[in-house]
Amino acid sequence: MLTNPPAELFAFAETRSTRADVSDTAVWTLSGNEQRVLFIHGFRGDHHGLQAVAGALVDLRVVSPDLPGFGKSAELEHHSLSSYSDWLIDFHNSTGPYDLVVGHSFGTLIVANAISNGLSTNKVCLINPITTRGSTSKSLGNRFAEIYYRIGKNKIFGSWLMSSGLVTRAMSIGLTKTKNRGTRRFIHDQHGRYFSTYASTRVAIEGFQAANAGSVFDYAEKLTGPILLIAGAKDAVAPIAEQRRLNEVLANSNLLVLEKVGHLSHYEKPVDIAIAITKFLETE
């Protein structure tokens, strides 16, 4: 029995992982059977963010790239939803086919945008999909984020603020819902290690603007294939009411609601997500 599932699954994933870059994109592949799954991580993280889920998918071959400008991948000339969409389509076409494409948070916007622009996929899993356009949100959290990234443009102390460990820890505490101390420590350590591994302050600011620019609802008409939606009941970034509405709008979707977790479901309940993904792949 796992005593600290996210940490132990993360470590297991690392033992199965090998790096083989594709052009300017850093890519890690976890060994598995012939079924291939592509993971697209969220904003300001890198491939490590979904490693616990990957570790729980013991029978699948998981391909996990770092988004351009984050982790070990080279930055783009400009970082917008359309540029990330173009990157994903090129990456998918050159390394596929895949049985499933999985996106988390900002990654769900990139996947949805790419599908609307012609990306051909078998099945899609959207974890904590972005269902509220940040640029029009009046939530207190989003207002603070807008101020934070606006100050981040300051040439004198913007770079320091953007990579501040105190700000990262505050964000991590705010988003973590689990009461398990070991899991909380793991989440905070992960954010401390990987939340500021972007190539430049420009990448982080443009990435925030891209993440704020859209909603999965924008692409609903093109999201016609089988889709698994995974939501956290306590998600403040992607409220559960909007997740349920997205499930109603997408005729070919199923919604799994994970109780007692928020926007970090991939850290807090990786086993539940892996089980759901496995069952989803088994359905016709």
Protein backbone atom coordinates (compact mmCIF):
# COMPACT_ATOMS: atom_id res chain seq x y z
CA MET A 1 0.00 0.00 0.00
CA LEU A 2 1.31 3.43 -0.92
CA THR A 3 1.93 5.64 2.13
CA ASN A 4 2.44 8.81 0.08
CA PRO A 5 0.91 8.11 -3.35
CA PRO A 6 1.98 11.26 -5.29
CA ALA A 7 5.60 11.13 -4.10
CA GLU A 8 5.97 7.38 -4.58
CA LEU A 9 4.27 7.39 -7.98
CA PHE A 10 6.43 10.33 -9.05
CA ALA A 11 9.55 8.39 -8.09
CA PHE A 12 8.29 5.31 -9.95
CA ALA A 13 7.63 7.40 -13.05
CA GLU A 14 11.17 8.73 -12.94
CA THR A 15 12.57 5.19 -13.06
CA ARG A 16 10.53 4.47 -16.23
CA SER A 17 11.39 7.75 -17.93
CA THR A 18 13.92 8.42 -20.68
CA ARG A 19 14.61 11.71 -22.45
CA ALA A 20 14.76 12.06 -26.22
CA ASP A 21 14.17 15.59 -27.50
CA VAL A 22 12.17 16.37 -30.62
CA SER A 23 13.66 19.45 -32.29
CA ASP A 24 13.61 22.23 -29.64
CA THR A 25 11.14 20.39 -27.42
CA ALA A 26 12.38 18.43 -24.41
CA VAL A 27 10.49 15.13 -24.23
CA TRP A 28 10.33 12.33 -21.68
CA THR A 29 8.79 8.94 -22.48
CA LEU A 30 7.67 6.44 -19.85
CA SER A 31 7.92 2.80 -20.86
CA GLY A 32 4.70 0.84 -21.31
CA ASN A 33 2.68 -1.20 -23.78
CA GLU A 34 1.64 -0.24 -27.29
CA GLN A 35 -1.01 2.21 -26.11
CA ARG A 36 0.44 5.73 -26.27
CA VAL A 37 -0.74 8.74 -24.28
CA LEU A 38 0.39 12.35 -24.76
CA PHE A 39 0.46 14.59 -21.67
CA ILE A 40 0.25 18.40 -21.94
CA HIS A 41 1.01 20.07 -18.62
CA GLY A 42 -0.32 23.32 -17.17
CA PHE A 43 0.93 26.90 -16.90
CA ARG A 44 4.34 27.62 -15.36
CA GLY A 45 5.06 24.00 -14.68
CA ASP A 46 6.83 21.41 -16.81
CA HIS A 47 6.40 17.71 -17.47
CA HIS A 48 7.00 16.93 -13.79
CA GLY A 49 3.53 18.20 -12.92
CA LEU A 50 1.78 15.15 -14.36
CA GLN A 51 4.44 12.61 -13.40
CA ALA A 52 2.47 11.15 -10.47
CA VAL A 53 -0.44 10.38 -12.80
CA ALA A 54 2.00 8.96 -15.35
CA GLY A 55 3.53 6.81 -12.65
CA ALA A 56 0.12 5.33 -11.86
CA LEU A 57 -0.43 4.42 -15.53
CA VAL A 58 1.84 1.42 -15.23
CA ASP A 59 0.74 -0.26 -18.47
CA LEU A 60 0.75 2.76 -20.80
CA ARG A 61 3.50 4.44 -22.78
CA VAL A 62 3.32 8.09 -21.70
CA VAL A 63 4.95 10.89 -23.71
CA SER A 64 5.49 14.08 -21.68
CA PRO A 65 7.00 17.14 -23.38
CA ASP A 66 7.85 20.42 -21.67
CA LEU A 67 5.80 23.21 -23.21
CA PRO A 68 7.89 25.66 -25.27
CA GLY A 69 9.59 28.15 -22.98
CA PHE A 70 9.12 26.00 -19.87
CA GLY A 71 11.30 23.37 -18.28
CA LYS A 72 14.00 22.34 -20.75
CA SER A 73 12.18 23.34 -23.97
CA ALA A 74 13.28 26.35 -26.02
CA GLU A 75 11.04 29.40 -26.03
CA LEU A 76 9.02 30.54 -29.04
CA GLU A 77 9.16 33.91 -30.76
CA HIS A 78 5.82 34.65 -29.10
CA HIS A 79 3.71 32.66 -26.65
CA SER A 80 -0.02 32.76 -27.36
CA LEU A 81 -2.77 30.17 -27.55
CA SER A 82 -2.41 30.05 -31.33
CA SER A 83 1.37 29.57 -31.18
CA TYR A 84 1.04 26.81 -28.59
CA SER A 85 -1.70 25.25 -30.72
CA ASP A 86 0.58 25.28 -33.77
CA TRP A 87 3.37 23.72 -31.71
CA LEU A 88 1.09 20.94 -30.42
CA ILE A 89 -0.24 20.11 -33.87
CA ASP A 90 3.32 19.87 -35.25
CA PHE A 91 4.51 17.82 -32.27
CA HIS A 92 1.54 15.46 -32.38
CA ASN A 93 1.83 14.92 -36.13
CA SER A 94 5.57 14.23 -35.94
CA THR A 95 5.50 11.88 -32.93
CA GLY A 96 2.01 10.31 -33.07
CA PRO A 97 -0.34 8.62 -33.39
CA TYR A 98 -1.67 8.61 -29.84
CA ASP A 99 -4.55 6.72 -28.31
CA LEU A 100 -5.27 9.61 -25.96
CA VAL A 101 -4.28 13.24 -25.46
CA VAL A 102 -4.41 14.53 -21.88
CA GLY A 103 -4.29 18.19 -20.89
CA HIS A 104 -4.28 19.78 -17.45
CA SER A 105 -5.45 23.34 -16.73
CA PHE A 106 -3.73 25.62 -19.28
CA GLY A 107 -2.92 22.45 -21.18
CA THR A 108 -6.67 21.92 -21.74
CA LEU A 109 -6.84 25.27 -23.54
CA ILE A 110 -3.92 24.31 -25.77
CA VAL A 111 -5.46 20.92 -26.59
CA ALA A 112 -8.91 22.38 -27.28
CA ASN A 113 -7.47 25.17 -29.43
CA ALA A 114 -5.38 22.67 -31.41
CA ILE A 115 -8.40 20.44 -32.04
CA SER A 116 -10.34 23.46 -33.31
CA ASN A 117 -7.45 24.10 -35.71
CA GLY A 118 -7.35 20.60 -37.14
CA LEU A 119 -5.58 18.37 -34.61
CA SER A 120 -6.95 14.85 -35.14
CA THR A 121 -7.28 12.84 -31.93
CA ASN A 122 -8.86 9.54 -30.93
CA LYS A 123 -9.83 10.44 -27.40
CA VAL A 124 -9.21 13.44 -25.14
CA CYS A 125 -8.99 13.82 -21.37
CA LEU A 126 -9.25 17.33 -19.89
CA ILE A 127 -8.18 17.58 -16.25
CA ASN A 128 -9.40 20.70 -14.42
CA PRO A 129 -10.31 22.30 -17.77
CA ILE A 130 -10.33 26.09 -17.95
CA THR A 131 -14.00 27.03 -18.22
CA THR A 132 -13.84 30.66 -17.10
CA ARG A 133 -12.10 33.26 -19.23
CA GLY A 134 -9.55 34.86 -16.91
CA SER A 135 -9.54 38.19 -18.74
CA THR A 136 -13.22 38.73 -17.86
CA SER A 137 -13.23 37.06 -14.44
CA LYS A 138 -13.94 39.31 -11.48
CA SER A 139 -12.64 36.87 -8.89
CA LEU A 140 -10.27 38.23 -6.25
CA GLY A 141 -7.67 35.62 -7.13
CA ASN A 142 -7.60 36.61 -10.77
CA ARG A 143 -7.34 40.28 -9.92
CA PHE A 144 -4.29 39.57 -7.76
CA ALA A 145 -2.79 37.49 -10.59
CA GLU A 146 -3.26 40.32 -13.09
CA ILE A 147 -1.55 42.78 -10.73
CA TYR A 148 1.24 40.29 -10.07
CA TYR A 149 2.02 39.77 -13.77
CA ARG A 150 1.67 43.47 -14.48
CA ILE A 151 4.31 44.21 -11.85
CA GLY A 152 6.35 41.36 -13.31
CA LYS A 153 7.00 43.54 -16.35
CA ASN A 154 8.98 45.97 -14.20
CA LYS A 155 12.61 45.94 -15.37
CA ILE A 156 14.02 46.60 -11.90
CA PHE A 157 12.37 44.01 -9.65
CA GLY A 158 9.87 42.24 -11.90
CA SER A 159 12.12 39.23 -12.49
CA TRP A 160 12.70 38.82 -8.74
CA LEU A 161 8.99 38.98 -7.98
CA MET A 162 8.11 36.48 -10.69
CA SER A 163 10.46 33.85 -9.29
CA SER A 164 9.89 34.67 -5.62
CA GLY A 165 9.76 31.58 -3.47
CA LEU A 166 7.39 33.31 -1.06
CA VAL A 167 4.88 34.04 -3.82
CA THR A 168 5.17 30.48 -5.11
CA ARG A 169 4.55 29.04 -1.65
CA ALA A 170 1.54 31.31 -1.11
CA MET A 171 0.08 30.16 -4.42
CA SER A 172 0.74 26.54 -3.54
CA ILE A 173 -0.91 26.85 -0.13
CA GLY A 174 -3.93 28.56 -1.66
CA LEU A 175 -4.51 25.86 -4.26
CA THR A 176 -3.81 22.79 -2.11
CA LYS A 177 -6.91 21.28 -0.52
CA THR A 178 -5.72 17.98 0.90
CA LYS A 179 -5.27 17.63 4.66
CA ASN A 180 -2.58 14.97 4.24
CA ARG A 181 0.67 16.53 5.47
CA GLY A 182 2.90 14.34 3.33
CA THR A 183 0.98 15.21 0.18
CA ARG A 184 1.00 18.91 1.08
CA ARG A 185 4.79 18.82 1.57
CA PHE A 186 5.22 17.06 -1.76
CA ILE A 187 3.06 19.60 -3.59
CA HIS A 188 4.90 22.57 -2.08
CA ASP A 189 8.26 20.97 -2.90
CA GLN A 190 7.20 20.36 -6.50
CA HIS A 191 6.08 23.95 -6.96
CA GLY A 192 9.29 25.19 -5.37
CA ARG A 193 11.37 23.08 -7.76
CA TYR A 194 9.52 23.54 -11.04
CA PHE A 195 7.15 26.53 -10.93
CA SER A 196 9.84 28.98 -12.04
CA THR A 197 11.71 26.89 -14.61
CA TYR A 198 10.62 29.12 -17.49
CA ALA A 199 13.17 30.37 -20.03
CA SER A 200 12.58 34.07 -19.35
CA THR A 201 10.24 36.47 -17.60
CA ARG A 202 8.77 37.24 -21.03
CA VAL A 203 7.71 33.60 -21.39
CA ALA A 204 5.88 33.62 -18.05
CA ILE A 205 4.09 36.91 -18.76
CA GLU A 206 3.07 35.93 -22.28
CA GLY A 207 2.04 32.53 -20.99
CA PHE A 208 -0.23 34.14 -18.39
CA GLN A 209 -1.79 36.33 -21.05
CA ALA A 210 -2.38 33.23 -23.19
CA ALA A 211 -3.92 31.34 -20.26
CA ASN A 212 -6.17 34.32 -19.54
CA ALA A 213 -7.29 34.67 -23.14
CA GLY A 214 -9.64 31.76 -23.55
CA SER A 215 -12.00 29.11 -22.26
CA VAL A 216 -12.64 25.54 -23.39
CA PHE A 217 -16.19 26.70 -24.14
CA ASP A 218 -14.72 28.73 -27.03
CA TYR A 219 -13.97 25.48 -28.87
CA ALA A 220 -17.02 23.43 -27.87
CA GLU A 221 -18.36 23.12 -31.44
CA LYS A 222 -15.18 21.33 -32.54
CA LEU A 223 -14.90 19.07 -29.48
CA THR A 224 -17.08 16.31 -30.86
CA GLY A 225 -15.00 13.21 -30.11
CA PRO A 226 -15.02 11.14 -26.90
CA ILE A 227 -13.92 13.37 -24.00
CA LEU A 228 -13.29 12.58 -20.34
CA LEU A 229 -13.61 15.61 -18.08
CA ILE A 230 -12.02 15.41 -14.63
CA ALA A 231 -12.89 18.13 -12.14
CA GLY A 232 -12.11 18.97 -8.53
CA ALA A 233 -15.17 19.69 -6.40
CA LYS A 234 -13.29 22.50 -4.61
CA ASP A 235 -11.62 24.01 -7.68
CA ALA A 236 -11.53 27.81 -7.34
CA VAL A 237 -9.78 28.28 -10.71
CA ALA A 238 -12.28 26.19 -12.67
CA PRO A 239 -15.50 26.20 -10.58
CA ILE A 240 -17.43 22.95 -10.46
CA ALA A 241 -20.66 24.56 -11.71
CA GLU A 242 -18.92 25.48 -14.98
CA GLN A 243 -17.44 21.99 -15.24
CA ARG A 244 -20.93 20.54 -15.07
CA ARG A 245 -22.14 23.00 -17.68
CA LEU A 246 -19.25 22.04 -19.98
CA ASN A 247 -20.25 18.40 -19.59
CA GLU A 248 -23.76 19.32 -20.70
CA VAL A 249 -22.50 21.33 -23.69
CA LEU A 250 -20.14 18.60 -24.93
CA ALA A 251 -22.50 15.88 -26.12
CA ASN A 252 -19.83 13.16 -26.21
CA SER A 253 -18.27 13.84 -22.82
CA ASN A 254 -18.31 12.19 -19.40
CA LEU A 255 -17.53 14.05 -16.18
CA LEU A 256 -15.71 12.66 -13.16
CA VAL A 257 -15.87 14.89 -10.08
CA LEU A 258 -13.17 14.26 -7.49
CA GLU A 259 -14.33 15.24 -4.02
CA LYS A 260 -12.22 17.17 -1.49
CA VAL A 261 -9.70 18.40 -4.11
CA GLY A 262 -9.36 21.57 -6.16
CA HIS A 263 -7.21 22.58 -9.11
CA LEU A 264 -4.35 20.27 -8.11
CA SER A 265 -6.21 17.01 -8.58
CA HIS A 266 -3.23 15.60 -10.51
CA TYR A 267 -1.18 15.85 -7.30
CA GLU A 268 -3.88 15.06 -4.76
CA LYS A 269 -5.61 12.12 -6.46
CA PRO A 270 -3.29 10.74 -9.18
CA VAL A 271 -4.47 7.16 -8.69
CA ASP A 272 -8.12 8.11 -9.20
CA ILE A 273 -7.20 9.97 -12.37
CA ALA A 274 -5.12 7.07 -13.67
CA ILE A 275 -7.96 4.61 -13.04
CA ALA A 276 -10.39 6.90 -14.86
CA ILE A 277 -8.03 7.26 -17.82
CA THR A 278 -7.51 3.51 -18.03
CA LYS A 279 -11.26 2.83 -18.01
CA PHE A 280 -11.80 5.57 -20.60
CA LEU A 281 -9.28 3.96 -22.94
CA GLU A 282 -11.06 0.61 -22.55
CA THR A 283 -14.42 1.99 -23.74
CA GLU A 284 -15.38 1.91 -27.40
